[in-house]
Amino acid sequence: MKISLTINGGQRNIDIEPDEMLLDMLRKIGLLSVKRGCDTGSCGVCTVLLDGHPIPSCACYAAKAEGHNITTIEGVQKESLEIAEFLVAEGVDQCGYCSPGFALAILGMTKELNNPTEDDIKHYLVGNLCRCSGYVGHLRAIKKYLEVKR
């Protein structure tokens, strides 16, 4: 079956299988920043933005993206590099596997929440796991990034 959607600002028509997950479709067309982690929607490494809202692409059928706007890290390179600078400055960017999902979740949060508190940030990012480091550094980096963005 064929679906039509916007990916990183470009209109695409893509052949998919009826049971194909969005994660697999995106990787099939070469967007390899979208990583496979848990396949249950609980780790966040496959996070993409669907109409600006972060979702786990491993838990979303590609067919549900029909007519929607999907953003991967490739579509927000400038913004993701800014976020990466803050993460690196706090020493939390180690293996980098979770970084694209984290960056997209942070971008989604900046669009959805005005002046989030520390608890708001923790709650919003609860679905993004990092297996290399604790989250104290992440939190420091995010707070500093948000201060600059205000």
Protein backbone atom coordinates (compact mmCIF):
# COMPACT_ATOMS: atom_id res chain seq x y z
CA MET A 1 0.00 0.00 0.00
CA LYS A 2 1.17 3.55 -0.63
CA ILE A 3 1.05 6.40 1.87
CA SER A 4 1.65 10.10 1.40
CA LEU A 5 3.30 12.13 4.15
CA THR A 6 5.79 14.91 4.77
CA ILE A 7 9.20 13.89 6.10
CA ASN A 8 11.63 16.58 7.18
CA GLY A 9 9.78 19.15 5.11
CA GLY A 10 9.58 17.12 1.90
CA GLN A 11 6.47 15.44 0.52
CA ARG A 12 6.94 11.67 0.10
CA ASN A 13 4.89 8.81 -1.32
CA ILE A 14 6.12 5.53 0.14
CA ASP A 15 5.13 1.92 -0.38
CA ILE A 16 4.62 0.17 2.95
CA GLU A 17 3.35 -3.12 4.25
CA PRO A 18 0.06 -2.87 6.20
CA ASP A 19 1.78 -3.97 9.42
CA GLU A 20 4.98 -1.94 8.93
CA MET A 21 6.04 0.23 11.83
CA LEU A 22 7.03 3.85 11.28
CA LEU A 23 10.53 3.08 12.62
CA ASP A 24 11.09 0.43 9.95
CA MET A 25 9.71 2.61 7.16
CA LEU A 26 11.99 5.51 8.10
CA ARG A 27 15.05 3.27 8.25
CA LYS A 28 14.04 1.65 4.95
CA ILE A 29 14.20 5.06 3.22
CA GLY A 30 17.62 5.80 4.71
CA LEU A 31 16.85 7.77 7.88
CA LEU A 32 19.19 5.75 10.04
CA SER A 33 19.27 8.21 12.95
CA VAL A 34 15.99 6.62 14.02
CA LYS A 35 17.33 3.78 16.15
CA ARG A 36 15.80 0.52 17.31
CA GLY A 37 15.83 -0.02 21.05
CA CYS A 38 13.10 -1.75 22.99
CA ASP A 39 10.34 -2.17 20.36
CA THR A 40 7.82 -1.39 23.10
CA GLY A 41 7.80 2.40 23.02
CA SER A 42 9.45 2.79 26.40
CA CYS A 43 13.12 3.68 25.76
CA GLY A 44 12.87 6.70 23.45
CA VAL A 45 15.73 5.94 21.06
CA CYS A 46 13.27 5.75 18.15
CA THR A 47 11.61 9.09 18.98
CA VAL A 48 10.46 11.20 16.04
CA LEU A 49 8.19 14.23 15.92
CA LEU A 50 4.72 13.62 14.52
CA ASP A 51 3.22 17.03 13.75
CA GLY A 52 5.70 18.47 16.27
CA HIS A 53 4.93 16.03 19.10
CA PRO A 54 7.44 13.35 20.14
CA ILE A 55 6.29 9.77 19.62
CA PRO A 56 8.02 6.38 19.75
CA SER A 57 8.18 5.33 16.09
CA CYS A 58 8.50 1.66 17.07
CA ALA A 59 4.96 1.78 18.47
CA CYS A 60 3.30 3.62 15.57
CA TYR A 61 2.17 1.95 12.37
CA ALA A 62 3.53 3.71 9.29
CA ALA A 63 -0.01 3.84 7.90
CA LYS A 64 -1.03 6.09 10.81
CA ALA A 65 1.48 8.69 9.57
CA GLU A 66 -0.53 9.13 6.36
CA GLY A 67 -1.04 12.86 5.77
CA HIS A 68 1.09 13.88 8.75
CA ASN A 69 4.40 15.66 9.16
CA ILE A 70 7.30 13.53 10.45
CA THR A 71 10.54 15.09 11.66
CA THR A 72 13.70 13.13 12.33
CA ILE A 73 17.01 14.51 13.54
CA GLU A 74 18.04 14.97 9.90
CA GLY A 75 15.30 17.59 9.59
CA VAL A 76 16.46 19.68 12.56
CA GLN A 77 20.23 19.53 12.29
CA LYS A 78 20.90 23.11 13.42
CA GLU A 79 18.71 22.76 16.51
CA SER A 80 20.09 19.33 17.37
CA LEU A 81 23.67 20.60 17.17
CA GLU A 82 22.77 23.37 19.62
CA ILE A 83 21.33 20.81 22.03
CA ALA A 84 24.36 18.56 21.56
CA GLU A 85 26.68 21.39 22.59
CA PHE A 86 24.86 21.70 25.91
CA LEU A 87 24.89 17.93 26.47
CA VAL A 88 28.60 17.68 25.68
CA ALA A 89 29.39 20.62 27.96
CA GLU A 90 27.78 18.68 30.83
CA GLY A 91 29.63 15.47 29.93
CA VAL A 92 26.53 13.40 29.24
CA ASP A 93 26.99 12.57 25.56
CA GLN A 94 28.80 9.28 25.78
CA CYS A 95 27.87 6.60 23.23
CA GLY A 96 25.32 8.83 21.47
CA TYR A 97 22.79 6.09 20.76
CA CYS A 98 20.00 7.89 22.62
CA SER A 99 20.97 11.40 21.50
CA PRO A 100 18.69 11.79 18.45
CA GLY A 101 15.65 10.69 20.44
CA PHE A 102 16.57 12.93 23.36
CA ALA A 103 17.13 15.94 21.09
CA LEU A 104 13.77 15.47 19.36
CA ALA A 105 11.99 15.08 22.69
CA ILE A 106 13.65 18.27 23.95
CA LEU A 107 12.58 20.13 20.79
CA GLY A 108 9.03 18.85 21.21
CA MET A 109 9.06 19.96 24.83
CA THR A 110 10.20 23.48 23.90
CA LYS A 111 7.20 23.80 21.59
CA GLU A 112 4.66 22.31 23.99
CA LEU A 113 5.69 23.69 27.39
CA ASN A 114 6.23 27.33 28.33
CA ASN A 115 8.84 27.83 31.04
CA PRO A 116 8.86 24.21 32.23
CA THR A 117 9.87 23.51 35.81
CA GLU A 118 12.42 20.84 36.68
CA ASP A 119 9.54 18.45 37.44
CA ASP A 120 7.93 19.28 34.08
CA ILE A 121 11.18 18.44 32.29
CA LYS A 122 11.58 15.16 34.18
CA HIS A 123 7.97 14.19 33.47
CA TYR A 124 8.18 15.11 29.79
CA LEU A 125 11.39 13.14 29.21
CA VAL A 126 10.49 10.09 31.30
CA GLY A 127 10.26 7.95 28.13
CA ASN A 128 13.82 8.70 26.99
CA LEU A 129 16.39 6.42 28.56
CA CYS A 130 20.17 6.73 28.58
CA ARG A 131 22.07 3.62 29.52
CA CYS A 132 25.46 5.38 29.79
CA SER A 133 24.94 8.13 32.29
CA GLY A 134 22.77 9.44 35.06
CA TYR A 135 20.21 12.07 34.30
CA VAL A 136 21.58 14.85 36.50
CA GLY A 137 23.84 16.04 33.69
CA HIS A 138 21.04 15.78 31.17
CA LEU A 139 18.84 17.90 33.38
CA ARG A 140 21.57 20.54 33.83
CA ALA A 141 22.14 20.68 30.06
CA ILE A 142 18.43 20.94 29.26
CA LYS A 143 17.88 23.69 31.79
CA LYS A 144 20.81 25.68 30.37
CA TYR A 145 19.54 25.14 26.82
CA LEU A 146 16.08 26.35 27.81
CA GLU A 147 17.53 29.44 29.49
CA VAL A 148 19.27 30.41 26.25
CA LYS A 149 16.12 29.73 24.20
CA ARG A 150 13.88 32.02 26.31
